[in-house]
PDB file of all heavy atoms in Angstrom:
ATOM      1  N   ALA A   1       0.835  -1.187  -0.021  1.00  0.00           N
ATOM      2  CA  ALA A   1       0.019  -0.005  -0.023  1.00  0.00           C
ATOM      3  C   ALA A   1       0.874   1.302  -0.008  1.00  0.00           C
ATOM      4  O   ALA A   1       2.019   1.185   0.419  1.00  0.00           O
ATOM      5  CB  ALA A   1      -0.860  -0.001   1.236  1.00  0.00           C
ATOM      6  N   PRO A   2       0.333   2.438  -0.474  1.00  0.00           N
ATOM      7  CA  PRO A   2       1.157   3.584  -0.477  1.00  0.00           C
ATOM      8  C   PRO A   2       1.699   3.946   0.895  1.00  0.00           C
ATOM      9  O   PRO A   2       1.024   3.955   1.923  1.00  0.00           O
ATOM     10  CB  PRO A   2       0.197   4.623  -0.919  1.00  0.00           C
ATOM     11  CG  PRO A   2      -0.900   3.942  -1.692  1.00  0.00           C
ATOM     12  CD  PRO A   2      -0.977   2.594  -1.051  1.00  0.00           C
ATOM     13  N   GLY A   3       3.049   4.215   1.010  1.00  0.00           N
ATOM     14  CA  GLY A   3       3.717   4.577   2.206  1.00  0.00           C
ATOM     15  C   GLY A   3       3.997   3.399   3.122  1.00  0.00           C
ATOM     16  O   GLY A   3       4.462   3.591   4.233  1.00  0.00           O
ATOM     17  N   LYS A   4       3.709   2.155   2.698  1.00  0.00           N
ATOM     18  CA  LYS A   4       3.870   1.055   3.542  1.00  0.00           C
ATOM     19  C   LYS A   4       4.835   0.001   2.926  1.00  0.00           C
ATOM     20  O   LYS A   4       5.051   0.031   1.713  1.00  0.00           O
ATOM     21  CB  LYS A   4       2.558   0.331   3.876  1.00  0.00           C
ATOM     22  CG  LYS A   4       1.638   1.176   4.617  1.00  0.00           C
ATOM     23  CD  LYS A   4       0.382   0.393   5.093  1.00  0.00           C
ATOM     24  CE  LYS A   4      -0.539   1.178   5.981  1.00  0.00           C
ATOM     25  NZ  LYS A   4      -1.748   0.484   6.429  1.00  0.00           N
ATOM     26  N   GLN A   5       5.360  -0.807   3.781  1.00  0.00           N
ATOM     27  CA  GLN A   5       6.278  -1.934   3.220  1.00  0.00           C
ATOM     28  C   GLN A   5       5.417  -3.019   2.550  1.00  0.00           C
ATOM     29  O   GLN A   5       4.289  -3.240   2.867  1.00  0.00           O
ATOM     30  CB  GLN A   5       7.132  -2.488   4.406  1.00  0.00           C
ATOM     31  CG  GLN A   5       8.221  -1.480   4.918  1.00  0.00           C
ATOM     32  CD  GLN A   5       9.135  -2.208   5.877  1.00  0.00           C
ATOM     33  OE1 GLN A   5       8.742  -3.132   6.514  1.00  0.00           O
ATOM     34  NE2 GLN A   5      10.331  -1.706   5.933  1.00  0.00           N
ATOM     35  N   ARG A   6       6.160  -3.673   1.654  1.00  0.00           N
ATOM     36  CA  ARG A   6       5.535  -4.844   1.074  1.00  0.00           C
ATOM     37  C   ARG A   6       5.395  -5.898   2.094  1.00  0.00           C
ATOM     38  O   ARG A   6       6.259  -6.194   2.872  1.00  0.00           O
ATOM     39  CB  ARG A   6       6.332  -5.384  -0.118  1.00  0.00           C
ATOM     40  CG  ARG A   6       5.700  -6.435  -1.049  1.00  0.00           C
ATOM     41  CD  ARG A   6       6.538  -6.573  -2.223  1.00  0.00           C
ATOM     42  NE  ARG A   6       6.715  -5.508  -3.090  1.00  0.00           N
ATOM     43  CZ  ARG A   6       7.259  -5.504  -4.285  1.00  0.00           C
ATOM     44  NH1 ARG A   6       7.673  -6.770  -4.831  1.00  0.00           N
ATOM     45  NH2 ARG A   6       7.438  -4.500  -5.013  1.00  0.00           N
ATOM     46  N   GLU A   7       4.164  -6.570   2.091  1.00  0.00           N
ATOM     47  CA  GLU A   7       3.917  -7.595   3.094  1.00  0.00           C
ATOM     48  C   GLU A   7       3.319  -8.900   2.446  1.00  0.00           C
ATOM     49  O   GLU A   7       2.668  -8.856   1.395  1.00  0.00           O
ATOM     50  CB  GLU A   7       2.859  -7.092   4.116  1.00  0.00           C
ATOM     51  CG  GLU A   7       1.545  -6.725   3.506  1.00  0.00           C
ATOM     52  CD  GLU A   7       0.519  -6.379   4.585  1.00  0.00           C
ATOM     53  OE1 GLU A   7       0.754  -6.505   5.778  1.00  0.00           O
ATOM     54  OE2 GLU A   7      -0.696  -6.063   4.193  1.00  0.00           O
ATOM     55  N   LEU A   8       3.611  -9.976   3.030  1.00  0.00           N
ATOM     56  CA  LEU A   8       3.127 -11.275   2.555  1.00  0.00           C
ATOM     57  C   LEU A   8       1.557 -11.337   2.838  1.00  0.00           C
ATOM     58  O   LEU A   8       1.193 -11.140   3.990  1.00  0.00           O
ATOM     59  CB  LEU A   8       3.845 -12.372   3.202  1.00  0.00           C
ATOM     60  CG  LEU A   8       3.393 -13.850   2.914  1.00  0.00           C
ATOM     61  CD1 LEU A   8       3.628 -14.177   1.464  1.00  0.00           C
ATOM     62  CD2 LEU A   8       4.023 -14.887   3.851  1.00  0.00           C
ATOM     63  N   VAL A   9       0.906 -11.737   1.886  1.00  0.00           N
ATOM     64  CA  VAL A   9      -0.567 -12.011   2.077  1.00  0.00           C
ATOM     65  C   VAL A   9      -0.879 -13.433   2.219  1.00  0.00           C
ATOM     66  O   VAL A   9      -1.525 -13.835   3.062  1.00  0.00           O
ATOM     67  CB  VAL A   9      -1.319 -11.393   0.796  1.00  0.00           C
ATOM     68  CG1 VAL A   9      -2.760 -11.690   0.885  1.00  0.00           C
ATOM     69  CG2 VAL A   9      -1.104  -9.856   0.621  1.00  0.00           C
ATOM     70  N   ALA A  10      -0.327 -14.210   1.240  1.00  0.00           N
ATOM     71  CA  ALA A  10      -0.558 -15.681   1.321  1.00  0.00           C
ATOM     72  C   ALA A  10       0.550 -16.403   0.486  1.00  0.00           C
ATOM     73  O   ALA A  10       1.151 -15.744  -0.436  1.00  0.00           O
ATOM     74  CB  ALA A  10      -1.863 -15.996   0.759  1.00  0.00           C
ATOM     75  N   ALA A  11       0.799 -17.650   0.865  1.00  0.00           N
ATOM     76  CA  ALA A  11       1.810 -18.430   0.180  1.00  0.00           C
ATOM     77  C   ALA A  11       1.306 -19.859   0.097  1.00  0.00           C
ATOM     78  O   ALA A  11       0.622 -20.350   1.060  1.00  0.00           O
ATOM     79  CB  ALA A  11       3.167 -18.304   0.748  1.00  0.00           C
ATOM     80  N   ILE A  12       1.630 -20.580  -0.960  1.00  0.00           N
ATOM     81  CA  ILE A  12       1.304 -21.934  -1.053  1.00  0.00           C
ATOM     82  C   ILE A  12       2.458 -22.759  -1.589  1.00  0.00           C
ATOM     83  O   ILE A  12       3.080 -22.380  -2.573  1.00  0.00           O
ATOM     84  CB  ILE A  12       0.053 -22.055  -1.972  1.00  0.00           C
ATOM     85  CG1 ILE A  12      -0.422 -23.649  -2.018  1.00  0.00           C
ATOM     86  CG2 ILE A  12       0.328 -21.582  -3.402  1.00  0.00           C
ATOM     87  CD1 ILE A  12      -1.809 -23.771  -2.595  1.00  0.00           C
ATOM     88  N   ILE A  13       2.759 -23.850  -0.856  1.00  0.00           N
ATOM     89  CA  ILE A  13       3.842 -24.794  -1.315  1.00  0.00           C
ATOM     90  C   ILE A  13       3.103 -25.785  -2.257  1.00  0.00           C
ATOM     91  O   ILE A  13       1.818 -25.974  -2.172  1.00  0.00           O
ATOM     92  CB  ILE A  13       4.366 -25.585  -0.086  1.00  0.00           C
ATOM     93  CG1 ILE A  13       5.066 -24.482   0.888  1.00  0.00           C
ATOM     94  CG2 ILE A  13       5.444 -26.558  -0.571  1.00  0.00           C
ATOM     95  CD1 ILE A  13       5.530 -25.092   2.200  1.00  0.00           C
ATOM     96  N   SER A  14       3.839 -26.418  -3.150  1.00  0.00           N
ATOM     97  CA  SER A  14       3.209 -27.243  -4.167  1.00  0.00           C
ATOM     98  C   SER A  14       2.172 -28.203  -3.535  1.00  0.00           C
ATOM     99  O   SER A  14       2.501 -29.015  -2.681  1.00  0.00           O
ATOM    100  CB  SER A  14       4.269 -28.053  -4.915  1.00  0.00           C
ATOM    101  OG  SER A  14       3.653 -28.832  -5.954  1.00  0.00           O
ATOM    102  N   GLY A  15       0.951 -27.949  -3.928  1.00  0.00           N
ATOM    103  CA  GLY A  15      -0.116 -28.924  -3.579  1.00  0.00           C
ATOM    104  C   GLY A  15      -0.947 -28.674  -2.350  1.00  0.00           C
ATOM    105  O   GLY A  15      -2.126 -28.552  -2.508  1.00  0.00           O
ATOM    106  N   VAL A  16      -0.341 -28.516  -1.251  1.00  0.00           N
ATOM    107  CA  VAL A  16      -1.117 -28.600  -0.068  1.00  0.00           C
ATOM    108  C   VAL A  16      -1.037 -27.451   0.992  1.00  0.00           C
ATOM    109  O   VAL A  16      -2.015 -26.888   1.239  1.00  0.00           O
ATOM    110  CB  VAL A  16      -0.805 -29.933   0.741  1.00  0.00           C
ATOM    111  CG1 VAL A  16      -1.603 -30.066   1.966  1.00  0.00           C
ATOM    112  CG2 VAL A  16      -0.852 -31.127  -0.145  1.00  0.00           C
ATOM    113  N   SER A  17       0.128 -27.126   1.347  1.00  0.00           N
ATOM    114  CA  SER A  17       0.317 -26.302   2.502  1.00  0.00           C
ATOM    115  C   SER A  17       0.206 -24.853   2.158  1.00  0.00           C
ATOM    116  O   SER A  17       0.850 -24.330   1.172  1.00  0.00           O
ATOM    117  CB  SER A  17       1.616 -26.596   3.224  1.00  0.00           C
ATOM    118  OG  SER A  17       1.858 -25.706   4.260  1.00  0.00           O
ATOM    119  N   ALA A  18      -0.687 -24.109   2.839  1.00  0.00           N
ATOM    120  CA  ALA A  18      -0.826 -22.680   2.569  1.00  0.00           C
ATOM    121  C   ALA A  18      -0.743 -21.953   3.878  1.00  0.00           C
ATOM    122  O   ALA A  18      -1.115 -22.299   4.817  1.00  0.00           O
ATOM    123  CB  ALA A  18      -2.100 -22.326   1.851  1.00  0.00           C
ATOM    124  N   ASN A  19      -0.243 -20.690   3.819  1.00  0.00           N
ATOM    125  CA  ASN A  19      -0.376 -19.785   4.995  1.00  0.00           C
ATOM    126  C   ASN A  19      -0.799 -18.396   4.615  1.00  0.00           C
ATOM    127  O   ASN A  19      -0.629 -17.999   3.529  1.00  0.00           O
ATOM    128  CB  ASN A  19       1.032 -19.758   5.774  1.00  0.00           C
ATOM    129  CG  ASN A  19       2.135 -19.273   4.846  1.00  0.00           C
ATOM    130  OD1 ASN A  19       2.667 -19.985   4.057  1.00  0.00           O
ATOM    131  ND2 ASN A  19       2.546 -18.060   5.067  1.00  0.00           N
ATOM    132  N   TYR A  20      -1.320 -17.722   5.624  1.00  0.00           N
ATOM    133  CA  TYR A  20      -1.979 -16.413   5.329  1.00  0.00           C
ATOM    134  C   TYR A  20      -1.678 -15.481   6.378  1.00  0.00           C
ATOM    135  O   TYR A  20      -1.309 -15.747   7.526  1.00  0.00           O
ATOM    136  CB  TYR A  20      -3.523 -16.630   5.340  1.00  0.00           C
ATOM    137  CG  TYR A  20      -4.019 -17.492   4.354  1.00  0.00           C
ATOM    138  CD1 TYR A  20      -4.230 -18.807   4.547  1.00  0.00           C
ATOM    139  CD2 TYR A  20      -4.390 -17.012   2.968  1.00  0.00           C
ATOM    140  CE1 TYR A  20      -4.686 -19.743   3.535  1.00  0.00           C
ATOM    141  CE2 TYR A  20      -4.927 -17.868   2.086  1.00  0.00           C
ATOM    142  CZ  TYR A  20      -5.060 -19.203   2.362  1.00  0.00           C
ATOM    143  OH  TYR A  20      -5.600 -20.015   1.347  1.00  0.00           O
ATOM    144  N   ALA A  21      -1.572 -14.147   6.052  1.00  0.00           N
ATOM    145  CA  ALA A  21      -1.458 -13.044   6.924  1.00  0.00           C
ATOM    146  C   ALA A  21      -2.803 -13.088   7.809  1.00  0.00           C
ATOM    147  O   ALA A  21      -3.903 -13.413   7.289  1.00  0.00           O
ATOM    148  CB  ALA A  21      -1.368 -11.712   6.227  1.00  0.00           C
ATOM    149  N   ASP A  22      -2.547 -12.667   9.018  1.00  0.00           N
ATOM    150  CA  ASP A  22      -3.701 -12.665   9.959  1.00  0.00           C
ATOM    151  C   ASP A  22      -4.834 -11.798   9.359  1.00  0.00           C
ATOM    152  O   ASP A  22      -6.077 -12.074   9.639  1.00  0.00           O
ATOM    153  CB  ASP A  22      -3.297 -12.203  11.321  1.00  0.00           C
ATOM    154  CG  ASP A  22      -2.561 -13.224  12.028  1.00  0.00           C
ATOM    155  OD1 ASP A  22      -2.576 -14.471  11.667  1.00  0.00           O
ATOM    156  OD2 ASP A  22      -1.841 -12.872  13.049  1.00  0.00           O
ATOM    157  N   SER A  23      -4.511 -10.746   8.746  1.00  0.00           N
ATOM    158  CA  SER A  23      -5.471  -9.740   8.234  1.00  0.00           C
ATOM    159  C   SER A  23      -6.386 -10.248   7.142  1.00  0.00           C
ATOM    160  O   SER A  23      -7.426  -9.709   6.886  1.00  0.00           O
ATOM    161  CB  SER A  23      -4.794  -8.499   7.753  1.00  0.00           C
ATOM    162  OG  SER A  23      -3.882  -8.833   6.776  1.00  0.00           O
ATOM    163  N   VAL A  24      -6.043 -11.358   6.490  1.00  0.00           N
ATOM    164  CA  VAL A  24      -6.816 -11.934   5.383  1.00  0.00           C
ATOM    165  C   VAL A  24      -7.365 -13.251   5.684  1.00  0.00           C
ATOM    166  O   VAL A  24      -8.087 -13.874   4.841  1.00  0.00           O
ATOM    167  CB  VAL A  24      -5.993 -11.906   4.142  1.00  0.00           C
ATOM    168  CG1 VAL A  24      -5.494 -10.548   3.826  1.00  0.00           C
ATOM    169  CG2 VAL A  24      -4.942 -12.935   4.071  1.00  0.00           C
ATOM    170  N   LYS A  25      -7.028 -13.854   6.752  1.00  0.00           N
ATOM    171  CA  LYS A  25      -7.598 -15.299   7.129  1.00  0.00           C
ATOM    172  C   LYS A  25      -9.005 -15.208   7.128  1.00  0.00           C
ATOM    173  O   LYS A  25      -9.691 -14.359   7.673  1.00  0.00           O
ATOM    174  CB  LYS A  25      -6.931 -15.750   8.426  1.00  0.00           C
ATOM    175  CG  LYS A  25      -5.533 -16.162   8.459  1.00  0.00           C
ATOM    176  CD  LYS A  25      -5.080 -16.630   9.766  1.00  0.00           C
ATOM    177  CE  LYS A  25      -3.625 -17.053   9.737  1.00  0.00           C
ATOM    178  NZ  LYS A  25      -3.069 -17.462  11.106  1.00  0.00           N
ATOM    179  N   GLY A  26      -9.588 -16.254   6.479  1.00  0.00           N
ATOM    180  CA  GLY A  26     -11.001 -16.397   6.322  1.00  0.00           C
ATOM    181  C   GLY A  26     -11.605 -15.637   5.296  1.00  0.00           C
ATOM    182  O   GLY A  26     -12.783 -15.875   4.936  1.00  0.00           O
ATOM    183  N   ARG A  27     -10.920 -14.766   4.603  1.00  0.00           N
ATOM    184  CA  ARG A  27     -11.402 -13.978   3.503  1.00  0.00           C
ATOM    185  C   ARG A  27     -10.755 -14.278   2.179  1.00  0.00           C
ATOM    186  O   ARG A  27     -11.373 -14.169   1.174  1.00  0.00           O
ATOM    187  CB  ARG A  27     -11.308 -12.434   3.769  1.00  0.00           C
ATOM    188  CG  ARG A  27     -11.925 -12.048   5.058  1.00  0.00           C
ATOM    189  CD  ARG A  27     -11.981 -10.481   5.195  1.00  0.00           C
ATOM    190  NE  ARG A  27     -10.575  -9.977   5.277  1.00  0.00           N
ATOM    191  CZ  ARG A  27     -10.105  -9.060   4.453  1.00  0.00           C
ATOM    192  NH1 ARG A  27     -10.789  -8.611   3.443  1.00  0.00           N
ATOM    193  NH2 ARG A  27      -8.824  -8.590   4.662  1.00  0.00           N
ATOM    194  N   PHE A  28      -9.417 -14.569   2.256  1.00  0.00           N
ATOM    195  CA  PHE A  28      -8.656 -14.804   1.018  1.00  0.00           C
ATOM    196  C   PHE A  28      -8.352 -16.278   0.944  1.00  0.00           C
ATOM    197  O   PHE A  28      -8.118 -16.904   1.977  1.00  0.00           O
ATOM    198  CB  PHE A  28      -7.396 -14.023   0.995  1.00  0.00           C
ATOM    199  CG  PHE A  28      -7.532 -12.518   0.872  1.00  0.00           C
ATOM    200  CD1 PHE A  28      -8.798 -11.922   0.919  1.00  0.00           C
ATOM    201  CD2 PHE A  28      -6.437 -11.757   0.583  1.00  0.00           C
ATOM    202  CE1 PHE A  28      -8.899 -10.498   0.748  1.00  0.00           C
ATOM    203  CE2 PHE A  28      -6.590 -10.390   0.463  1.00  0.00           C
ATOM    204  CZ  PHE A  28      -7.870  -9.799   0.523  1.00  0.00           C
ATOM    205  N   THR A  29      -8.268 -16.791  -0.313  1.00  0.00           N
ATOM    206  CA  THR A  29      -7.798 -18.183  -0.508  1.00  0.00           C
ATOM    207  C   THR A  29      -6.795 -18.260  -1.645  1.00  0.00           C
ATOM    208  O   THR A  29      -7.090 -17.727  -2.741  1.00  0.00           O
ATOM    209  CB  THR A  29      -8.980 -19.069  -0.814  1.00  0.00           C
ATOM    210  OG1 THR A  29     -10.023 -19.089   0.211  1.00  0.00           O
ATOM    211  CG2 THR A  29      -8.529 -20.540  -0.993  1.00  0.00           C
ATOM    212  N   ILE A  30      -5.627 -18.877  -1.397  1.00  0.00           N
ATOM    213  CA  ILE A  30      -4.601 -18.971  -2.423  1.00  0.00           C
ATOM    214  C   ILE A  30      -4.708 -20.456  -2.911  1.00  0.00           C
ATOM    215  O   ILE A  30      -5.011 -21.351  -2.162  1.00  0.00           O
ATOM    216  CB  ILE A  30      -3.200 -18.750  -1.841  1.00  0.00           C
ATOM    217  CG1 ILE A  30      -2.154 -18.720  -2.993  1.00  0.00           C
ATOM    218  CG2 ILE A  30      -2.792 -19.754  -0.711  1.00  0.00           C
ATOM    219  CD1 ILE A  30      -0.839 -18.171  -2.610  1.00  0.00           C
ATOM    220  N   SER A  31      -4.572 -20.555  -4.203  1.00  0.00           N
ATOM    221  CA  SER A  31      -4.542 -21.953  -4.787  1.00  0.00           C
ATOM    222  C   SER A  31      -3.612 -21.884  -6.011  1.00  0.00           C
ATOM    223  O   SER A  31      -3.102 -20.874  -6.427  1.00  0.00           O
ATOM    224  CB  SER A  31      -5.968 -22.315  -5.269  1.00  0.00           C
ATOM    225  OG  SER A  31      -6.445 -21.387  -6.248  1.00  0.00           O
TER     226      SER A  31
END
């Protein structure tokens, strides 16, 4: 965002494991 540092939103390892920033959990889905 303007004036802010780049932050991780979500990441997914091949196939299964995904992790999310607390601010987007339950709202965003990575695939």
